């Protein structure tokens, strides 16, 4: 037996099928993102407090070594942020004694690189 239908009817059947599927799928479990346990949040805050130069990727790798599976955006969300620094956590500004290196007044550490800033002549 052959049934001839219009293309709009086939599209309507597919839409109804997807609608029923997702209605059934959402009834099976909880909807939305899973909540982050207080233990993991406290651990993220403790790591960021004790290791100020660590960023979200480093804390994420440490959490994965401990067996926790979280996203990097979650780690960044729950980290303690240093609002006093104008450079954020990726940069570290260290004061240097003028007598030590002559006219070098500060070393700026970006990742593993050190940048020297000198006094202007004049």
Protein backbone atom coordinates (compact mmCIF):
# COMPACT_ATOMS: atom_id res chain seq x y z
CA UNK A 1 0.00 0.00 0.00
CA UNK A 2 1.33 3.44 -0.88
CA UNK A 3 0.26 6.59 0.95
CA UNK A 4 1.01 9.92 -0.65
CA UNK A 5 1.39 12.84 1.74
CA UNK A 6 2.59 16.37 1.45
CA UNK A 7 6.11 17.33 2.66
CA UNK A 8 4.62 19.60 5.34
CA UNK A 9 2.90 16.56 6.86
CA UNK A 10 6.21 14.68 7.16
CA UNK A 11 7.84 17.72 8.81
CA UNK A 12 4.89 17.94 11.22
CA UNK A 13 5.29 14.25 12.14
CA UNK A 14 9.01 14.78 12.83
CA UNK A 15 8.32 17.81 15.01
CA UNK A 16 5.73 15.89 17.00
CA UNK A 17 8.15 13.00 17.39
CA UNK A 18 10.95 15.23 18.68
CA UNK A 19 8.52 16.99 21.01
CA UNK A 20 7.38 13.68 22.49
CA UNK A 21 10.95 12.39 22.77
CA UNK A 22 12.24 15.41 24.68
CA UNK A 23 9.17 15.47 26.93
CA UNK A 24 9.86 11.80 27.81
CA UNK A 25 13.60 12.46 28.20
CA UNK A 26 13.09 15.39 30.60
CA UNK A 27 10.81 13.34 32.87
CA UNK A 28 13.50 10.72 33.47
CA UNK A 29 15.81 12.81 35.60
CA UNK A 30 16.63 16.23 36.85
CA UNK A 31 16.66 19.07 34.38
CA UNK A 32 19.48 21.60 34.30
CA UNK A 33 23.07 21.65 35.44
CA UNK A 34 24.17 19.45 38.31
CA UNK A 35 24.93 21.33 41.51
CA UNK A 36 28.51 21.69 42.71
CA UNK A 37 29.05 20.19 46.16
CA UNK A 38 30.13 22.44 49.02
CA UNK A 39 33.27 20.33 49.42
CA UNK A 40 34.46 21.11 45.87
CA UNK A 41 33.62 24.81 46.21
CA UNK A 42 35.54 25.03 49.48
CA UNK A 43 38.49 23.19 47.92
CA UNK A 44 38.59 25.56 44.94
CA UNK A 45 38.53 28.60 47.24
CA UNK A 46 41.20 27.11 49.49
CA UNK A 47 43.50 26.34 46.54
CA UNK A 48 43.08 29.84 45.10
CA UNK A 49 43.69 31.43 48.53
CA UNK A 50 46.82 29.40 49.29
CA UNK A 51 48.27 29.62 45.76
CA UNK A 52 47.60 33.15 44.54
CA UNK A 53 49.51 32.76 41.26
CA UNK A 54 47.53 29.70 40.16
CA UNK A 55 44.86 30.33 37.61
CA UNK A 56 41.77 28.29 36.77
CA UNK A 57 43.61 25.84 34.45
CA UNK A 58 46.14 24.90 37.15
CA UNK A 59 43.48 24.45 39.84
CA UNK A 60 41.42 22.42 37.38
CA UNK A 61 44.35 20.06 36.75
CA UNK A 62 44.93 19.68 40.49
CA UNK A 63 41.24 18.86 41.01
CA UNK A 64 41.35 16.27 38.25
CA UNK A 65 44.40 14.68 39.90
CA UNK A 66 42.29 14.42 43.07
CA UNK A 67 39.48 12.75 41.11
CA UNK A 68 37.00 15.63 40.77
CA UNK A 69 35.44 16.22 37.36
CA UNK A 70 34.46 19.87 36.97
CA UNK A 71 34.66 22.39 34.15
CA UNK A 72 37.23 25.19 33.97
CA UNK A 73 34.44 27.78 33.92
CA UNK A 74 33.16 26.35 37.20
CA UNK A 75 36.61 26.65 38.75
CA UNK A 76 36.92 30.25 37.53
CA UNK A 77 33.48 31.04 38.93
CA UNK A 78 34.28 29.85 42.46
CA UNK A 79 37.89 31.10 42.67
CA UNK A 80 38.74 33.96 44.99
CA UNK A 81 39.64 36.88 42.75
CA UNK A 82 42.24 39.43 43.77
CA UNK A 83 40.52 42.75 43.08
CA UNK A 84 43.50 44.75 44.34
CA UNK A 85 45.74 43.76 41.47
CA UNK A 86 45.29 45.67 38.22
CA UNK A 87 46.94 42.80 36.33
CA UNK A 88 44.80 39.95 37.65
CA UNK A 89 46.15 36.57 38.70
CA UNK A 90 48.12 35.88 35.54
CA UNK A 91 50.63 38.62 36.36
CA UNK A 92 52.83 39.08 39.36
CA UNK A 93 54.60 42.37 40.06
CA UNK A 94 57.69 42.14 42.25
CA UNK A 95 59.51 45.10 43.72
CA UNK A 96 63.31 45.07 43.34
CA UNK A 97 65.79 47.03 45.41
CA UNK A 98 67.36 49.79 43.25
CA UNK A 99 70.80 48.87 44.60
CA UNK A 100 70.54 45.27 43.40
CA UNK A 101 70.17 45.78 39.67
CA UNK A 102 71.13 49.40 39.09
CA UNK A 103 68.31 51.21 37.38
CA UNK A 104 65.80 48.32 37.27
CA UNK A 105 62.79 49.30 39.38
CA UNK A 106 60.46 46.32 38.89
CA UNK A 107 60.24 42.89 37.37
CA UNK A 108 56.92 41.87 35.88
CA UNK A 109 56.45 38.11 35.67
CA UNK A 110 54.10 36.95 32.92
CA UNK A 111 53.79 33.19 33.00
CA UNK A 112 57.42 32.07 33.13
CA UNK A 113 58.88 35.20 31.52
CA UNK A 114 60.37 38.13 33.42
CA UNK A 115 60.14 41.62 31.97
CA UNK A 116 62.39 44.33 33.35
CA UNK A 117 61.29 47.92 33.56
CA UNK A 118 64.00 50.52 33.99
CA UNK A 119 64.01 54.12 35.05
CA UNK A 120 63.98 56.63 32.26
CA UNK A 121 67.17 58.60 31.80
CA UNK A 122 66.88 62.23 32.59
